[in-house]
Every structure is written in C-alpha cells, then in structure tokens.
Amino acid sequence: MPRTPQPRTAVLASADLSFRTRVREALTGLRWEVQEAQGGAEALAYLEARPCEAMIVDTWLPDLEIQEFLAECEKRHPQTDLIAVDDPGPERGPERTQARSPRRNEVLLALRRGQDADHEPQGDGASWNGMPEMTPVHDRTVVREEIFVRGTAVVEATRPGAEPGPGTVRLPELIGEAPAMLEVSRRIRLVAPRAATVLVQGPTGSGKELVARAIHRLSPRANRRLVALNCAAIPDTLLEAELFGHTRGAFTGAVQGRIGRIEAADGGTLFLDEIGEMPLALQAKLLRFLETGEVQRIGDNDPIRVDVRIVAATHRSLAEMVKAGSFRADLYYRLAVFLIRTPGLGERPEDLPLLVERLLARMAEQAPVRRLSAEAMERLRQHAWPGNVRELQHVLERAAILAAESPEIGAAEIEFGETF
C-alpha cells in the first residue's frame, strides 16, 4: 500500500491578510502545512517552537526591518529555506548560505499565485509604495498612527539584549525616537508573540495603554478582543462583579446576570489599568484565575475555563507596595513575568517637537491648522511636564483656543496652569 506523502511545513510572514490567504490556499493545495504570522516577531516565535522547511517573508513587516529579520533567521535557523517576496532567485543573484528546500519550486509557485492579484500599480507604479491592510479586529481596523512605507530605510531591528540604537524600529503606536522609547518598542516586539503576562510601569499620561494595544496588535490574539478595565475607576464593591461577572440575584441590584471582563476577553487580551488600586481581597481571586485559567461568576458554583492574556499597568511601584503590605507578593511575581517601563516626557525632551507636530496634526482634523512659533516651542521646552504627554495635549488644546483665529500659536498662549 503506497504511503501517504508527509506534509511540508512553512511559515508565512505578512501583515497583508488577503496575501496570506492566497498563498496559504495555494500551498495547502500542494500538501503544505502553513503557519501564518502577522509580523516578524511572531514568525520567529513559530520557528523557535517548531522547525519548518520554508519561510515566506513579505516585502514589509509592521514590527521588524526585512533585511535584519532575514539575517536573524539565517543565523538562528540555517535549516529553514528563506524565501522573500522580492527574492531575485538563484539565477539572478548571489547564492545564500541558507539551506534550500528541495521543494522550493512549489513555494515559488504558490508565491506567484499569491502575488498575481496583489501587485497592482499604486501611485508612482511601485507596488511597494503602499502599506498593506492590517488584520481587522471585529468591526474596526487596528489603529496605526504612523504611516510606514515599504522599503523605507529608517528602521532597523535590534537583537535581544542589544542596546537600542538610532535606527531601532519604532512601533506606530508610540511617538518618539528617544532611546528609552525605542527600548519600549523593542520589548513590545519581543514579548508580543508570546503568552507571558506583562506589567507596564510608568507615570500617569506616559502611554501605558498604547503599549498594551501594541502588544495585542502584534500578538497571535490580534483578531480577538482587547478588553480594558481601569481598576481605579470602579468602586471596590463592584470591581469583583465587573471582573468575574455575576448571576441574576447574586446581590442587591443584580436584576440580570452578566459576564465579566475576563470572560469577555476569552481568546484575546485583558488590560488591567491601575492594577495597584485593586483591593487585597480581590487580588487573591485574580491570582487564582492566573494560576488556574478559571473564573467563577458571583453567585455561580461552576467555574468557567477561559483563555486570556493579561497585560497590567500601574503608575505606582508595586515592589514598594509589596513591602508595605498593600499588594500581594505572589500576585506581583505572577504579573511581572515581563516588565516594560514607559518613560515620562521629562525623561525624553528630544521627543517634544515630534509630539507637538503629531498632536497639532490631530487637532487640525477638527479645527483650522495651527503652527507653533519658535518662542512658544522654547517655552514648552522649559517646562518639566509632570503630567507627561497628556498634559502636553491639554496645553496645546488650551493654546489653540486662546489663539482664536490666528494661524500661529505664540508664547503668550502657552499656559501650564497650577503645578503640584
């Protein structure tokens, strides 16, 4: 009896969902097993988990620069055949030292099928001149605040453990080129494709929720929900029900049952902002969920198993809270599997002009376009920014109102309000 041919295995790395779909279908028809990745970090994680025969890489990735990514793959996984969308092929370029699959022609055939409907001229006729569509999250497209152009040389990936350099890739959610901000982007790229719990620490207004959204966007859970909960915004008496849900009649006022935020995030990511404000009694229940993966609604006897990744954030030092007895040490160690620190604006003054430009551009969507005078910018530079980027946004909004019909914001319109 003839043996059934063993399937080939390949990883397909592209941010373009339609392109991935076409190539995957073509490869599946040729008896290949295909693992799809939306970015370079996710693709590397798949290679670490399971060796594969081939990897197909699009001309643009949202988190890593292509050439650096290919070099890293060649170094870590020399047995994998790397095939880039714009690869000149063995007959039109120098041979790579990388191993080549004996079935490379099948991959190239599938790749051509995937490209047939994808390479329409755009603008100047260059197919790489536009950004691919990102995977939709329910009824909205993933937020991208920065336009990245395929082939741009302004980004360069860093290897794990390396100090961020001037060319380190900056994620679109994060504005700023300061080394501390580039390090945040590097850490996000490293942890996003994994299941590890992340703790984001930083002062209020420094962009901790943006970090959580970037982690979710670059993770394998990106096509599921990101559910956010501010632990400081909900009274202690209601926080447990908000997290775990409740049955009808479980407590006074519970006229109907409802699921909690944890259950709502099943398959996706739960962002717990201001985790340091969670009361001790509820910390124990959250710890149990993290250890067992089960939630129990208030008033219900049966636990429910869910698959949720936790990203927590705080402006306080949880380590100091542990010493003071106001935060559980076991929960802290469970949350702080991977730490990311968001710097305050005062720690990265070189990013101020870029932030001002971006915030004014946003404001121009609803009001006349404004520009900042040199004197006004100097006044902004001299401020300490205790309220960080959020304070800068409010200062610029106030200045735009004070400027009335003038197209320019002057130093006289820059008001900081009271400090404390």
Protein backbone atom coordinates (compact mmCIF):
# COMPACT_ATOMS: atom_id res chain seq x y z
CA MET A 1 0.00 0.00 0.00
CA PRO A 2 1.52 3.37 -1.01
CA ARG A 3 2.50 5.67 1.84
CA THR A 4 0.69 8.97 2.21
CA PRO A 5 3.13 11.81 1.49
CA GLN A 6 4.12 13.76 4.58
CA PRO A 7 3.03 17.39 4.53
CA ARG A 8 5.66 20.08 4.21
CA THR A 9 5.69 22.84 6.81
CA ALA A 10 6.07 26.57 6.15
CA VAL A 11 5.71 29.86 7.99
CA LEU A 12 4.16 32.74 6.07
CA ALA A 13 5.03 36.20 7.47
CA SER A 14 2.98 39.11 6.13
CA ALA A 15 0.77 41.87 7.53
CA ASP A 16 -1.50 41.57 4.48
CA LEU A 17 -4.36 39.19 5.31
CA SER A 18 -5.53 38.76 1.71
CA PHE A 19 -1.99 37.96 0.52
CA ARG A 20 -1.55 35.41 3.30
CA THR A 21 -4.86 33.80 2.41
CA ARG A 22 -3.97 33.37 -1.26
CA VAL A 23 -0.51 31.95 -0.59
CA ARG A 24 -1.81 29.66 2.16
CA GLU A 25 -4.53 28.25 -0.10
CA ALA A 26 -2.01 27.64 -2.87
CA LEU A 27 0.41 25.87 -0.53
CA THR A 28 -2.33 23.83 1.11
CA GLY A 29 -3.30 22.55 -2.32
CA LEU A 30 0.28 21.33 -2.67
CA ARG A 31 0.07 19.46 0.68
CA TRP A 32 1.92 22.06 2.74
CA GLU A 33 1.02 22.89 6.33
CA VAL A 34 1.17 26.67 6.74
CA GLN A 35 1.51 28.72 9.93
CA GLU A 36 0.60 32.38 9.38
CA ALA A 37 2.32 35.27 11.19
CA GLN A 38 1.35 38.94 11.04
CA GLY A 39 4.83 40.18 11.93
CA GLY A 40 8.46 39.19 12.23
CA ALA A 41 8.47 38.61 15.98
CA GLU A 42 5.52 36.22 15.70
CA ALA A 43 7.21 34.37 12.83
CA LEU A 44 10.42 33.94 14.87
CA ALA A 45 8.37 32.58 17.75
CA TYR A 46 6.85 29.93 15.46
CA LEU A 47 10.32 28.92 14.27
CA GLU A 48 11.54 28.63 17.87
CA ALA A 49 8.57 26.42 18.75
CA ARG A 50 8.73 24.14 15.72
CA PRO A 51 11.33 23.84 12.93
CA CYS A 52 9.88 24.25 9.45
CA GLU A 53 11.07 23.59 5.93
CA ALA A 54 10.47 27.06 4.50
CA MET A 55 9.60 30.60 5.49
CA ILE A 56 7.97 33.09 3.12
CA VAL A 57 8.51 36.75 4.04
CA ASP A 58 6.61 39.68 2.55
CA THR A 59 8.40 42.87 1.46
CA TRP A 60 7.15 44.71 4.57
CA LEU A 61 6.55 43.73 8.18
CA PRO A 62 4.93 46.00 10.79
CA ASP A 63 7.48 45.35 13.52
CA LEU A 64 10.86 44.39 12.01
CA GLU A 65 13.05 45.55 9.14
CA ILE A 66 13.20 42.89 6.45
CA GLN A 67 16.96 42.52 5.90
CA GLU A 68 17.73 42.42 9.62
CA PHE A 69 14.91 39.92 10.09
CA LEU A 70 16.24 37.64 7.33
CA ALA A 71 19.77 37.84 8.75
CA GLU A 72 18.50 36.87 12.19
CA CYS A 73 16.56 33.92 10.74
CA GLU A 74 19.60 32.71 8.82
CA LYS A 75 21.68 32.82 11.97
CA ARG A 76 19.16 31.09 14.24
CA HIS A 77 17.59 28.64 11.77
CA PRO A 78 20.02 27.76 8.96
CA GLN A 79 17.98 24.66 8.12
CA THR A 80 14.96 26.73 7.06
CA ASP A 81 14.66 27.88 3.45
CA LEU A 82 14.03 31.65 3.49
CA ILE A 83 12.06 32.99 0.56
CA ALA A 84 11.41 36.73 0.36
CA VAL A 85 8.68 38.10 -1.90
CA ASP A 86 11.26 40.18 -3.79
CA ASP A 87 13.92 37.42 -3.77
CA PRO A 88 15.81 37.56 -7.11
CA GLY A 89 16.17 33.78 -7.13
CA PRO A 90 19.31 31.70 -7.63
CA GLU A 91 19.58 32.59 -11.29
CA ARG A 92 19.62 36.35 -10.64
CA GLY A 93 21.61 36.90 -7.51
CA PRO A 94 24.29 35.55 -5.19
CA GLU A 95 23.60 32.24 -3.51
CA ARG A 96 22.67 32.45 0.14
CA THR A 97 24.42 30.25 2.65
CA GLN A 98 20.93 29.29 3.86
CA ALA A 99 19.69 25.76 3.12
CA ARG A 100 17.23 25.48 0.26
CA SER A 101 14.17 23.26 0.30
CA PRO A 102 14.11 20.50 -2.34
CA ARG A 103 10.52 21.62 -2.94
CA ARG A 104 11.37 25.32 -3.28
CA ASN A 105 9.72 25.45 -6.70
CA GLU A 106 6.39 24.58 -5.10
CA VAL A 107 6.76 27.50 -2.69
CA LEU A 108 7.70 29.86 -5.52
CA LEU A 109 4.66 28.71 -7.50
CA ALA A 110 2.36 29.39 -4.54
CA LEU A 111 4.03 32.74 -4.03
CA ARG A 112 3.42 33.75 -7.64
CA ARG A 113 -0.25 32.80 -7.27
CA GLY A 114 -0.47 34.95 -4.16
CA GLN A 115 1.15 37.88 -5.94
CA ASP A 116 -0.99 37.72 -9.09
CA ALA A 117 -3.85 39.67 -7.52
CA ASP A 118 -1.65 41.69 -5.23
CA HIS A 119 0.72 43.64 -7.43
CA GLU A 120 -1.45 46.35 -8.93
CA PRO A 121 0.42 49.63 -9.61
CA GLN A 122 -0.01 52.23 -6.86
CA GLY A 123 0.73 55.91 -7.32
CA ASP A 124 4.10 56.01 -8.99
CA GLY A 125 3.74 52.44 -10.19
CA ALA A 126 5.81 50.83 -7.45
CA SER A 127 3.91 48.03 -5.74
CA TRP A 128 5.92 48.51 -2.53
CA ASN A 129 4.88 52.14 -2.17
CA GLY A 130 1.79 51.48 -0.07
CA MET A 131 1.17 50.00 3.33
CA PRO A 132 -0.69 46.64 3.36
CA GLU A 133 -4.06 46.35 5.02
CA MET A 134 -3.85 45.21 8.63
CA THR A 135 -5.99 42.42 10.00
CA PRO A 136 -9.38 43.81 11.13
CA VAL A 137 -10.31 43.49 14.80
CA HIS A 138 -14.08 42.89 14.71
CA ASP A 139 -15.59 45.93 13.04
CA ARG A 140 -12.59 48.22 13.21
CA THR A 141 -9.13 48.24 11.73
CA VAL A 142 -6.16 48.13 14.06
CA VAL A 143 -5.09 51.66 14.94
CA ARG A 144 -1.98 52.83 13.16
CA GLU A 145 -0.93 56.34 13.97
CA GLU A 146 2.27 56.31 11.93
CA ILE A 147 2.42 55.61 8.20
CA PHE A 148 5.24 53.19 7.38
CA VAL A 149 6.38 52.84 3.79
CA ARG A 150 7.62 49.56 2.39
CA GLY A 151 11.30 49.67 1.67
CA THR A 152 11.98 52.64 3.96
CA ALA A 153 15.47 52.61 5.48
CA VAL A 154 14.57 54.45 8.68
CA VAL A 155 14.01 51.31 10.74
CA GLU A 156 16.35 48.58 11.85
CA ALA A 157 15.58 45.70 14.20
CA THR A 158 17.64 45.09 17.32
CA ARG A 159 18.71 41.72 18.58
CA PRO A 160 17.57 40.59 22.03
CA GLY A 161 19.75 42.12 24.71
CA ALA A 162 21.22 44.79 22.43
CA GLU A 163 21.18 48.44 23.35
CA PRO A 164 18.67 50.37 21.21
CA GLY A 165 20.42 52.41 18.55
CA PRO A 166 19.34 55.36 16.43
CA GLY A 167 17.93 53.03 13.78
CA THR A 168 15.84 50.84 16.09
CA VAL A 169 12.33 50.33 14.79
CA ARG A 170 9.62 52.42 16.44
CA LEU A 171 6.16 50.93 16.62
CA PRO A 172 3.36 53.03 15.09
CA GLU A 173 1.51 53.44 18.39
CA LEU A 174 4.49 55.06 20.09
CA ILE A 175 5.70 58.55 19.19
CA GLY A 176 9.31 59.38 19.92
CA GLU A 177 12.85 58.49 18.92
CA ALA A 178 14.48 58.76 22.36
CA PRO A 179 16.46 55.64 23.38
CA ALA A 180 14.02 54.95 26.22
CA MET A 181 11.08 54.90 23.78
CA LEU A 182 12.94 52.71 21.31
CA GLU A 183 13.62 50.27 24.13
CA VAL A 184 9.87 50.15 24.84
CA SER A 185 9.25 49.25 21.19
CA ARG A 186 11.95 46.58 21.30
CA ARG A 187 10.47 44.96 24.39
CA ILE A 188 6.97 45.01 22.91
CA ARG A 189 8.19 43.22 19.78
CA LEU A 190 9.95 40.56 21.86
CA VAL A 191 7.05 39.75 24.19
CA ALA A 192 4.03 40.26 21.91
CA PRO A 193 4.07 36.84 20.18
CA ARG A 194 4.41 35.00 23.49
CA ALA A 195 1.78 34.25 26.14
CA ALA A 196 3.70 35.83 29.02
CA THR A 197 1.91 38.20 31.37
CA VAL A 198 3.20 41.77 31.03
CA LEU A 199 3.44 44.52 33.64
CA VAL A 200 3.72 48.06 32.29
CA GLN A 201 5.01 50.63 34.77
CA GLY A 202 5.26 54.35 34.19
CA PRO A 203 3.93 57.73 35.29
CA THR A 204 0.37 58.79 34.54
CA GLY A 205 -0.07 60.02 30.98
CA SER A 206 3.03 58.24 29.61
CA GLY A 207 1.17 55.91 27.22
CA LYS A 208 0.76 52.65 29.13
CA GLU A 209 -2.50 51.79 27.37
CA LEU A 210 -0.82 52.39 23.99
CA VAL A 211 1.76 49.79 24.99
CA ALA A 212 -0.99 47.31 25.83
CA ARG A 213 -2.68 47.93 22.48
CA ALA A 214 0.62 47.43 20.63
CA ILE A 215 1.23 44.13 22.44
CA HIS A 216 -2.24 42.94 21.49
CA ARG A 217 -1.89 44.09 17.86
CA LEU A 218 1.37 42.18 17.37
CA SER A 219 0.22 39.05 19.20
CA PRO A 220 -1.45 35.92 17.77
CA ARG A 221 -4.61 37.16 19.56
CA ALA A 222 -4.91 40.28 17.40
CA ASN A 223 -8.07 39.07 15.69
CA ARG A 224 -9.84 38.71 19.04
CA ARG A 225 -10.91 41.33 21.58
CA LEU A 226 -8.78 43.64 23.66
CA VAL A 227 -10.81 44.37 26.82
CA ALA A 228 -9.70 47.21 29.10
CA LEU A 229 -10.61 47.83 32.73
CA ASN A 230 -9.43 50.71 34.92
CA CYS A 231 -9.28 49.28 38.42
CA ALA A 232 -9.21 52.77 39.95
CA ALA A 233 -12.39 53.92 38.19
CA ILE A 234 -14.74 51.32 39.69
CA PRO A 235 -15.79 51.14 43.36
CA ASP A 236 -14.29 48.23 45.28
CA THR A 237 -17.75 46.76 45.88
CA LEU A 238 -18.41 46.48 42.14
CA LEU A 239 -14.95 45.62 40.88
CA GLU A 240 -15.27 41.89 41.53
CA ALA A 241 -18.54 41.67 39.60
CA GLU A 242 -17.02 43.73 36.79
CA LEU A 243 -14.08 41.34 36.53
CA PHE A 244 -15.73 37.96 37.10
CA GLY A 245 -19.38 38.60 36.24
CA HIS A 246 -22.42 37.56 38.27
CA THR A 247 -25.65 35.62 38.10
CA ARG A 248 -29.13 37.08 38.41
CA GLY A 249 -29.95 37.87 42.04
CA ALA A 250 -26.36 37.31 43.20
CA PHE A 251 -26.53 40.58 45.15
CA THR A 252 -28.87 43.52 45.63
CA GLY A 253 -29.44 45.22 42.31
CA ALA A 254 -28.35 42.25 40.18
CA VAL A 255 -31.61 42.09 38.22
CA GLN A 256 -29.97 40.07 35.48
CA GLY A 257 -26.80 38.05 35.06
CA ARG A 258 -23.83 39.23 33.02
CA ILE A 259 -20.38 38.03 32.09
CA GLY A 260 -17.29 39.78 33.47
CA ARG A 261 -14.43 41.47 31.66
CA ILE A 262 -12.23 38.37 31.97
CA GLU A 263 -14.79 36.17 30.27
CA ALA A 264 -15.45 38.84 27.64
CA ALA A 265 -11.76 38.77 26.72
CA ASP A 266 -11.71 34.99 26.13
CA GLY A 267 -9.23 34.27 23.35
CA GLY A 268 -7.91 37.83 23.49
CA THR A 269 -6.19 40.22 25.87
CA LEU A 270 -7.34 41.79 29.13
CA PHE A 271 -5.73 45.12 30.01
CA LEU A 272 -5.92 45.90 33.73
CA ASP A 273 -5.01 49.55 34.18
CA GLU A 274 -4.02 50.87 37.62
CA ILE A 275 -3.69 47.34 38.99
CA GLY A 276 -2.14 48.79 42.14
CA GLU A 277 -5.56 50.10 43.17
CA MET A 278 -7.10 46.63 43.35
CA PRO A 279 -8.11 45.69 46.92
CA LEU A 280 -6.23 42.85 48.61
CA ALA A 281 -9.26 40.53 48.81
CA LEU A 282 -9.77 40.74 45.06
CA GLN A 283 -6.06 40.30 44.40
CA ALA A 284 -6.33 36.77 45.80
CA LYS A 285 -9.14 35.92 43.37
CA LEU A 286 -7.25 37.38 40.43
CA LEU A 287 -4.21 35.30 41.42
CA ARG A 288 -6.32 32.15 41.43
CA PHE A 289 -7.55 32.93 37.92
CA LEU A 290 -3.99 33.46 36.70
CA GLU A 291 -2.96 30.11 38.17
CA THR A 292 -5.96 28.02 37.03
CA GLY A 293 -7.36 29.86 34.00
CA GLU A 294 -10.84 29.55 35.50
CA VAL A 295 -13.33 32.23 36.51
CA GLN A 296 -16.35 31.82 38.73
CA ARG A 297 -19.18 34.29 38.43
CA ILE A 298 -20.56 35.69 41.67
CA GLY A 299 -23.50 33.51 42.69
CA ASP A 300 -22.46 30.59 40.47
CA ASN A 301 -20.98 27.31 41.66
CA ASP A 302 -19.43 26.17 38.40
CA PRO A 303 -16.13 27.64 37.19
CA ILE A 304 -15.68 28.60 33.55
CA ARG A 305 -12.41 28.00 31.75
CA VAL A 306 -11.16 30.87 29.61
CA ASP A 307 -8.02 31.67 27.63
CA VAL A 308 -6.97 35.24 28.37
CA ARG A 309 -3.65 37.04 28.26
CA ILE A 310 -3.17 39.66 31.00
CA VAL A 311 -1.41 42.98 30.48
CA ALA A 312 -1.42 45.04 33.68
CA ALA A 313 -0.32 48.64 34.19
CA THR A 314 0.38 50.93 37.12
CA HIS A 315 1.93 54.30 37.88
CA ARG A 316 2.94 53.08 41.33
CA SER A 317 5.85 50.89 42.40
CA LEU A 318 4.28 47.52 43.09
CA ALA A 319 7.53 46.34 44.69
CA GLU A 320 7.24 49.12 47.26
CA MET A 321 3.57 48.26 47.78
CA VAL A 322 4.55 44.65 48.44
CA LYS A 323 6.97 45.83 51.14
CA ALA A 324 4.22 47.98 52.65
CA GLY A 325 1.80 45.05 52.66
CA SER A 326 -0.74 46.66 50.31
CA PHE A 327 -0.05 44.36 47.37
CA ARG A 328 0.39 40.59 47.34
CA ALA A 329 3.92 39.43 46.58
CA ASP A 330 2.72 36.26 44.83
CA LEU A 331 0.45 38.29 42.53
CA TYR A 332 3.26 40.73 41.80
CA TYR A 333 5.59 37.94 40.67
CA ARG A 334 2.77 36.43 38.60
CA LEU A 335 2.08 39.74 36.85
CA ALA A 336 5.69 40.87 36.42
CA VAL A 337 6.78 38.00 34.19
CA PHE A 338 7.89 40.64 31.70
CA LEU A 339 8.37 44.29 32.65
CA ILE A 340 8.03 47.31 30.36
CA ARG A 341 8.67 50.81 31.68
CA THR A 342 7.20 53.81 29.89
CA PRO A 343 9.34 56.94 30.39
CA GLY A 344 7.85 60.29 31.35
CA LEU A 345 8.04 63.19 28.91
CA GLY A 346 10.60 64.90 31.13
CA GLU A 347 12.96 61.95 30.53
CA ARG A 348 12.87 62.38 26.75
CA PRO A 349 12.84 66.10 25.92
CA GLU A 350 14.22 65.37 22.44
CA ASP A 351 10.81 63.92 21.52
CA LEU A 352 8.93 67.13 22.30
CA PRO A 353 8.95 68.60 18.73
CA LEU A 354 7.73 65.33 17.24
CA LEU A 355 4.94 65.03 19.81
CA VAL A 356 3.88 68.65 19.25
CA GLU A 357 3.76 68.11 15.50
CA ARG A 358 1.66 64.96 15.87
CA LEU A 359 -0.77 66.49 18.38
CA LEU A 360 -1.26 69.63 16.27
CA ALA A 361 -1.94 67.45 13.24
CA ARG A 362 -4.65 65.62 15.16
CA MET A 363 -6.19 68.89 16.29
CA ALA A 364 -6.19 70.13 12.68
CA GLU A 365 -8.72 67.41 11.82
CA GLN A 366 -11.40 69.34 13.75
CA ALA A 367 -10.10 72.92 13.69
CA PRO A 368 -8.00 75.19 11.45
CA VAL A 369 -4.38 74.13 11.07
CA ARG A 370 -2.09 75.72 13.65
CA ARG A 371 1.63 76.15 13.80
CA LEU A 372 3.82 76.85 16.80
CA SER A 373 6.13 79.84 16.96
CA ALA A 374 9.77 79.38 17.94
CA GLU A 375 9.14 81.28 21.18
CA ALA A 376 6.22 79.00 22.04
CA MET A 377 8.30 75.90 21.41
CA GLU A 378 11.06 77.24 23.64
CA ARG A 379 8.52 77.84 26.39
CA LEU A 380 7.38 74.22 26.07
CA ARG A 381 10.99 73.02 26.29
CA GLN A 382 11.49 74.80 29.61
CA HIS A 383 8.55 73.02 31.26
CA ALA A 384 9.09 69.92 33.42
CA TRP A 385 5.91 68.10 32.21
CA PRO A 386 4.77 66.38 35.39
CA GLY A 387 1.59 65.35 33.54
CA ASN A 388 3.57 63.91 30.62
CA VAL A 389 2.07 63.60 27.11
CA ARG A 390 -1.46 64.00 28.41
CA GLU A 391 -0.52 67.36 29.91
CA LEU A 392 1.13 68.42 26.63
CA GLN A 393 -2.04 67.60 24.75
CA HIS A 394 -4.14 69.74 27.10
CA VAL A 395 -1.66 72.64 26.97
CA LEU A 396 -1.81 72.65 23.16
CA GLU A 397 -5.61 72.45 23.13
CA ARG A 398 -5.79 75.39 25.52
CA ALA A 399 -3.29 77.36 23.44
CA ALA A 400 -5.25 76.73 20.24
CA ILE A 401 -8.39 78.12 21.87
CA LEU A 402 -6.54 81.19 23.14
CA ALA A 403 -5.02 81.80 19.71
CA ALA A 404 -8.57 82.39 18.38
CA GLU A 405 -8.37 82.99 14.61
CA SER A 406 -4.61 83.32 14.45
CA PRO A 407 -2.89 80.55 12.45
CA GLU A 408 0.08 80.63 14.82
CA ILE A 409 0.29 79.78 18.50
CA GLY A 410 2.61 82.18 20.28
CA ALA A 411 4.36 82.04 23.64
CA ALA A 412 1.59 84.15 25.22
CA GLU A 413 -0.94 81.37 24.54
CA ILE A 414 1.12 78.72 26.34
CA GLU A 415 -0.36 78.31 29.82
CA PHE A 416 0.54 75.46 32.14
CA GLY A 417 -1.92 76.00 34.96
CA GLU A 418 -1.12 75.24 38.57
CA THR A 419 1.59 72.77 39.50
CA PHE A 420 1.62 70.42 42.45
